[in-house]
């Protein structure tokens, strides 16, 4: 949390972070922002249009929660190998979290977002969003930082 605020002050001097009722961070009158942190990592994305990012290391809790954030079509794409399944779930989670952060509210992970491709070595992912914010195809960038995955959206144009 503190690291994110320090990054925000560094890249948007004089800014103050506020939060919408949904918890989405905003800089009133300033650029769009997205924060994430996991373990020793903290990240911030700043853009003139809505954007989102997420950091996450593989966590077996994702296996137990998969039916809550994955659509049946996505679960059908999961590899048979348990280690690859966890990687797939982590990639899907970070992609969906990044898309959610673009909109900030009214996004159902399993119902509105479908990750369309999987590769354990992914450097990008394609996901489709269909919900109250309209329809959009996202090409998300993926970076691996050790075992932690950073996934981010390109800034979206309205």
C-alpha atoms as a PDB file:
ATOM      1  CA  UNK A   1       0.000   0.000   0.000  1.00  0.00           C
ATOM      2  CA  UNK A   2       2.698   2.502   0.962  1.00  0.00           C
ATOM      3  CA  UNK A   3       4.812   1.556  -2.055  1.00  0.00           C
ATOM      4  CA  UNK A   4       1.897   2.301  -4.351  1.00  0.00           C
ATOM      5  CA  UNK A   5       1.395   5.735  -2.816  1.00  0.00           C
ATOM      6  CA  UNK A   6       5.101   6.500  -3.141  1.00  0.00           C
ATOM      7  CA  UNK A   7       5.011   5.479  -6.815  1.00  0.00           C
ATOM      8  CA  UNK A   8       1.942   7.645  -7.389  1.00  0.00           C
ATOM      9  CA  UNK A   9       3.614  10.684  -5.784  1.00  0.00           C
ATOM     10  CA  UNK A  10       6.743  10.023  -7.856  1.00  0.00           C
ATOM     11  CA  UNK A  11       4.969   9.793 -11.214  1.00  0.00           C
ATOM     12  CA  UNK A  12       2.045  12.163 -10.585  1.00  0.00           C
ATOM     13  CA  UNK A  13       3.536  14.895  -8.337  1.00  0.00           C
ATOM     14  CA  UNK A  14       1.045  16.709  -6.131  1.00  0.00           C
ATOM     15  CA  UNK A  15      -1.608  14.053  -6.668  1.00  0.00           C
ATOM     16  CA  UNK A  16      -4.003  12.770  -4.054  1.00  0.00           C
ATOM     17  CA  UNK A  17      -5.542   9.322  -4.365  1.00  0.00           C
ATOM     18  CA  UNK A  18      -9.247   9.021  -3.576  1.00  0.00           C
ATOM     19  CA  UNK A  19     -11.463   5.954  -3.773  1.00  0.00           C
ATOM     20  CA  UNK A  20     -14.867   5.440  -5.368  1.00  0.00           C
ATOM     21  CA  UNK A  21     -17.522   3.551  -3.405  1.00  0.00           C
ATOM     22  CA  UNK A  22     -16.469   0.422  -5.322  1.00  0.00           C
ATOM     23  CA  UNK A  23     -12.894   0.798  -4.016  1.00  0.00           C
ATOM     24  CA  UNK A  24     -11.459   1.905  -7.375  1.00  0.00           C
ATOM     25  CA  UNK A  25      -8.612   4.386  -6.845  1.00  0.00           C
ATOM     26  CA  UNK A  26      -8.828   7.708  -8.674  1.00  0.00           C
ATOM     27  CA  UNK A  27      -6.844  10.899  -8.871  1.00  0.00           C
ATOM     28  CA  UNK A  28      -9.544  13.603  -8.893  1.00  0.00           C
ATOM     29  CA  UNK A  29      -9.047  15.722 -11.992  1.00  0.00           C
ATOM     30  CA  UNK A  30      -5.978  13.703 -12.937  1.00  0.00           C
ATOM     31  CA  UNK A  31      -5.040  10.687 -15.027  1.00  0.00           C
ATOM     32  CA  UNK A  32      -6.495   7.202 -14.601  1.00  0.00           C
ATOM     33  CA  UNK A  33      -4.575   4.869 -12.309  1.00  0.00           C
ATOM     34  CA  UNK A  34      -4.469   1.235 -11.343  1.00  0.00           C
ATOM     35  CA  UNK A  35      -2.525  -0.273  -8.439  1.00  0.00           C
ATOM     36  CA  UNK A  36      -1.542  -3.785  -7.494  1.00  0.00           C
ATOM     37  CA  UNK A  37       0.840  -5.404  -5.046  1.00  0.00           C
ATOM     38  CA  UNK A  38       1.853  -8.933  -4.207  1.00  0.00           C
ATOM     39  CA  UNK A  39       4.711 -10.126  -2.048  1.00  0.00           C
ATOM     40  CA  UNK A  40       7.691  -7.839  -2.589  1.00  0.00           C
ATOM     41  CA  UNK A  41       6.227  -6.227  -5.717  1.00  0.00           C
ATOM     42  CA  UNK A  42       4.151  -3.076  -6.114  1.00  0.00           C
ATOM     43  CA  UNK A  43       2.981  -1.677  -9.442  1.00  0.00           C
ATOM     44  CA  UNK A  44       1.140   1.367 -10.692  1.00  0.00           C
ATOM     45  CA  UNK A  45      -0.275   2.091 -14.137  1.00  0.00           C
ATOM     46  CA  UNK A  46      -1.051   5.674 -15.126  1.00  0.00           C
ATOM     47  CA  UNK A  47      -2.899   6.575 -18.322  1.00  0.00           C
ATOM     48  CA  UNK A  48      -5.133   9.230 -19.817  1.00  0.00           C
ATOM     49  CA  UNK A  49      -7.862   6.600 -20.299  1.00  0.00           C
ATOM     50  CA  UNK A  50      -9.084   3.707 -18.089  1.00  0.00           C
ATOM     51  CA  UNK A  51      -6.480   1.021 -17.444  1.00  0.00           C
ATOM     52  CA  UNK A  52      -5.908  -1.951 -15.166  1.00  0.00           C
ATOM     53  CA  UNK A  53      -3.164  -4.224 -13.871  1.00  0.00           C
ATOM     54  CA  UNK A  54      -2.776  -7.088 -11.441  1.00  0.00           C
ATOM     55  CA  UNK A  55       0.088  -8.941  -9.763  1.00  0.00           C
ATOM     56  CA  UNK A  56      -0.396 -12.483  -8.451  1.00  0.00           C
ATOM     57  CA  UNK A  57       1.742 -15.533  -7.731  1.00  0.00           C
ATOM     58  CA  UNK A  58       0.222 -18.979  -8.215  1.00  0.00           C
ATOM     59  CA  UNK A  59      -1.843 -19.840  -5.154  1.00  0.00           C
ATOM     60  CA  UNK A  60      -3.695 -23.106  -4.574  1.00  0.00           C
ATOM     61  CA  UNK A  61      -6.662 -21.067  -3.292  1.00  0.00           C
ATOM     62  CA  UNK A  62      -7.367 -20.295  -6.962  1.00  0.00           C
ATOM     63  CA  UNK A  63      -8.057 -24.015  -7.522  1.00  0.00           C
ATOM     64  CA  UNK A  64     -10.753 -23.970  -4.853  1.00  0.00           C
ATOM     65  CA  UNK A  65     -12.253 -20.694  -6.149  1.00  0.00           C
ATOM     66  CA  UNK A  66     -12.095 -21.431  -9.876  1.00  0.00           C
ATOM     67  CA  UNK A  67     -15.828 -21.990 -10.358  1.00  0.00           C
ATOM     68  CA  UNK A  68     -16.471 -18.525  -8.919  1.00  0.00           C
ATOM     69  CA  UNK A  69     -14.334 -16.655 -11.445  1.00  0.00           C
ATOM     70  CA  UNK A  70     -14.037 -19.008 -14.431  1.00  0.00           C
ATOM     71  CA  UNK A  71     -16.724 -19.756 -17.018  1.00  0.00           C
ATOM     72  CA  UNK A  72     -17.308 -23.402 -18.003  1.00  0.00           C
ATOM     73  CA  UNK A  73     -15.801 -22.656 -21.461  1.00  0.00           C
ATOM     74  CA  UNK A  74     -12.593 -21.494 -19.791  1.00  0.00           C
ATOM     75  CA  UNK A  75     -12.460 -24.471 -17.439  1.00  0.00           C
ATOM     76  CA  UNK A  76     -12.747 -26.750 -20.469  1.00  0.00           C
ATOM     77  CA  UNK A  77      -9.491 -25.206 -21.821  1.00  0.00           C
ATOM     78  CA  UNK A  78      -7.550 -26.032 -18.665  1.00  0.00           C
ATOM     79  CA  UNK A  79      -4.580 -28.339 -19.148  1.00  0.00           C
ATOM     80  CA  UNK A  80      -4.561 -31.748 -17.471  1.00  0.00           C
ATOM     81  CA  UNK A  81      -1.314 -31.156 -15.576  1.00  0.00           C
ATOM     82  CA  UNK A  82      -2.048 -29.706 -12.073  1.00  0.00           C
ATOM     83  CA  UNK A  83       0.926 -27.295 -12.210  1.00  0.00           C
ATOM     84  CA  UNK A  84      -0.200 -25.986 -15.592  1.00  0.00           C
ATOM     85  CA  UNK A  85      -3.758 -25.707 -14.258  1.00  0.00           C
ATOM     86  CA  UNK A  86      -2.525 -23.423 -11.492  1.00  0.00           C
ATOM     87  CA  UNK A  87      -0.587 -21.311 -13.995  1.00  0.00           C
ATOM     88  CA  UNK A  88      -3.694 -21.089 -16.214  1.00  0.00           C
ATOM     89  CA  UNK A  89      -5.867 -20.058 -13.270  1.00  0.00           C
ATOM     90  CA  UNK A  90      -3.310 -17.440 -12.196  1.00  0.00           C
ATOM     91  CA  UNK A  91      -3.121 -15.985 -15.718  1.00  0.00           C
ATOM     92  CA  UNK A  92      -6.916 -15.933 -15.974  1.00  0.00           C
ATOM     93  CA  UNK A  93      -7.291 -14.350 -12.523  1.00  0.00           C
ATOM     94  CA  UNK A  94      -4.802 -11.571 -13.268  1.00  0.00           C
ATOM     95  CA  UNK A  95      -6.408 -10.894 -16.660  1.00  0.00           C
ATOM     96  CA  UNK A  96      -9.891 -10.665 -15.156  1.00  0.00           C
ATOM     97  CA  UNK A  97      -8.705  -8.534 -12.252  1.00  0.00           C
ATOM     98  CA  UNK A  98      -6.967  -6.130 -14.658  1.00  0.00           C
ATOM     99  CA  UNK A  99     -10.147  -5.813 -16.759  1.00  0.00           C
ATOM    100  CA  UNK A 100     -12.244  -5.307 -13.627  1.00  0.00           C
ATOM    101  CA  UNK A 101      -9.906  -2.494 -12.561  1.00  0.00           C
ATOM    102  CA  UNK A 102     -10.469  -0.751 -15.910  1.00  0.00           C
ATOM    103  CA  UNK A 103     -14.177  -0.482 -15.187  1.00  0.00           C
ATOM    104  CA  UNK A 104     -14.144  -0.428 -11.387  1.00  0.00           C
ATOM    105  CA  UNK A 105     -17.609  -1.845 -10.843  1.00  0.00           C
ATOM    106  CA  UNK A 106     -20.413  -3.991 -12.245  1.00  0.00           C
ATOM    107  CA  UNK A 107     -18.127  -6.720 -13.587  1.00  0.00           C
ATOM    108  CA  UNK A 108     -18.823 -10.407 -12.948  1.00  0.00           C
ATOM    109  CA  UNK A 109     -15.612 -12.349 -13.525  1.00  0.00           C
ATOM    110  CA  UNK A 110     -17.196 -15.635 -14.678  1.00  0.00           C
ATOM    111  CA  UNK A 111     -20.200 -14.095 -16.418  1.00  0.00           C
ATOM    112  CA  UNK A 112     -18.714 -11.081 -18.202  1.00  0.00           C
ATOM    113  CA  UNK A 113     -15.080 -11.932 -18.978  1.00  0.00           C
ATOM    114  CA  UNK A 114     -13.757 -14.860 -21.028  1.00  0.00           C
ATOM    115  CA  UNK A 115     -10.039 -15.491 -21.441  1.00  0.00           C
ATOM    116  CA  UNK A 116      -9.756 -16.864 -24.950  1.00  0.00           C
ATOM    117  CA  UNK A 117      -6.329 -18.437 -25.082  1.00  0.00           C
ATOM    118  CA  UNK A 118      -3.863 -20.165 -22.804  1.00  0.00           C
ATOM    119  CA  UNK A 119      -0.138 -20.703 -22.918  1.00  0.00           C
ATOM    120  CA  UNK A 120       2.138 -21.303 -19.941  1.00  0.00           C
ATOM    121  CA  UNK A 121       4.675 -19.080 -21.704  1.00  0.00           C
ATOM    122  CA  UNK A 122       2.161 -16.349 -22.531  1.00  0.00           C
ATOM    123  CA  UNK A 123       3.427 -12.839 -23.110  1.00  0.00           C
ATOM    124  CA  UNK A 124      -0.068 -11.702 -23.975  1.00  0.00           C
ATOM    125  CA  UNK A 125      -3.594 -12.958 -23.480  1.00  0.00           C
ATOM    126  CA  UNK A 126      -6.790 -12.215 -25.313  1.00  0.00           C
ATOM    127  CA  UNK A 127      -9.971 -11.775 -23.289  1.00  0.00           C
ATOM    128  CA  UNK A 128     -13.455 -10.714 -24.220  1.00  0.00           C
ATOM    129  CA  UNK A 129     -15.693  -8.600 -22.032  1.00  0.00           C
ATOM    130  CA  UNK A 130     -19.473  -8.515 -22.509  1.00  0.00           C
ATOM    131  CA  UNK A 131     -21.517  -6.784 -19.810  1.00  0.00           C
ATOM    132  CA  UNK A 132     -23.075  -3.511 -18.699  1.00  0.00           C
ATOM    133  CA  UNK A 133     -20.042  -1.577 -19.996  1.00  0.00           C
ATOM    134  CA  UNK A 134     -20.592  -2.900 -23.548  1.00  0.00           C
ATOM    135  CA  UNK A 135     -18.409  -5.301 -25.505  1.00  0.00           C
ATOM    136  CA  UNK A 136     -14.645  -5.140 -25.749  1.00  0.00           C
ATOM    137  CA  UNK A 137     -11.765  -7.367 -26.777  1.00  0.00           C
ATOM    138  CA  UNK A 138      -8.668  -6.904 -24.620  1.00  0.00           C
ATOM    139  CA  UNK A 139      -5.138  -7.852 -25.609  1.00  0.00           C
ATOM    140  CA  UNK A 140      -3.490  -8.020 -22.208  1.00  0.00           C
ATOM    141  CA  UNK A 141       0.267  -7.978 -21.726  1.00  0.00           C
ATOM    142  CA  UNK A 142       1.808 -10.553 -19.386  1.00  0.00           C
ATOM    143  CA  UNK A 143       5.164 -10.351 -17.621  1.00  0.00           C
ATOM    144  CA  UNK A 144       6.632 -12.933 -15.272  1.00  0.00           C
ATOM    145  CA  UNK A 145       8.612 -11.649 -12.298  1.00  0.00           C
ATOM    146  CA  UNK A 146       9.988 -14.849 -10.807  1.00  0.00           C
ATOM    147  CA  UNK A 147       6.842 -16.817  -9.996  1.00  0.00           C
ATOM    148  CA  UNK A 148       4.693 -13.669  -9.833  1.00  0.00           C
ATOM    149  CA  UNK A 149       2.602 -12.765 -12.874  1.00  0.00           C
ATOM    150  CA  UNK A 150       1.935  -9.144 -13.860  1.00  0.00           C
ATOM    151  CA  UNK A 151      -0.921  -8.712 -16.318  1.00  0.00           C
ATOM    152  CA  UNK A 152      -2.073  -5.353 -17.613  1.00  0.00           C
ATOM    153  CA  UNK A 153      -4.520  -3.928 -20.096  1.00  0.00           C
ATOM    154  CA  UNK A 154      -3.617  -1.464 -22.712  1.00  0.00           C
ATOM    155  CA  UNK A 155      -5.438   1.749 -21.836  1.00  0.00           C
ATOM    156  CA  UNK A 156      -8.994   1.500 -23.227  1.00  0.00           C
ATOM    157  CA  UNK A 157     -10.577   4.209 -25.367  1.00  0.00           C
ATOM    158  CA  UNK A 158     -14.242   5.064 -24.799  1.00  0.00           C
END
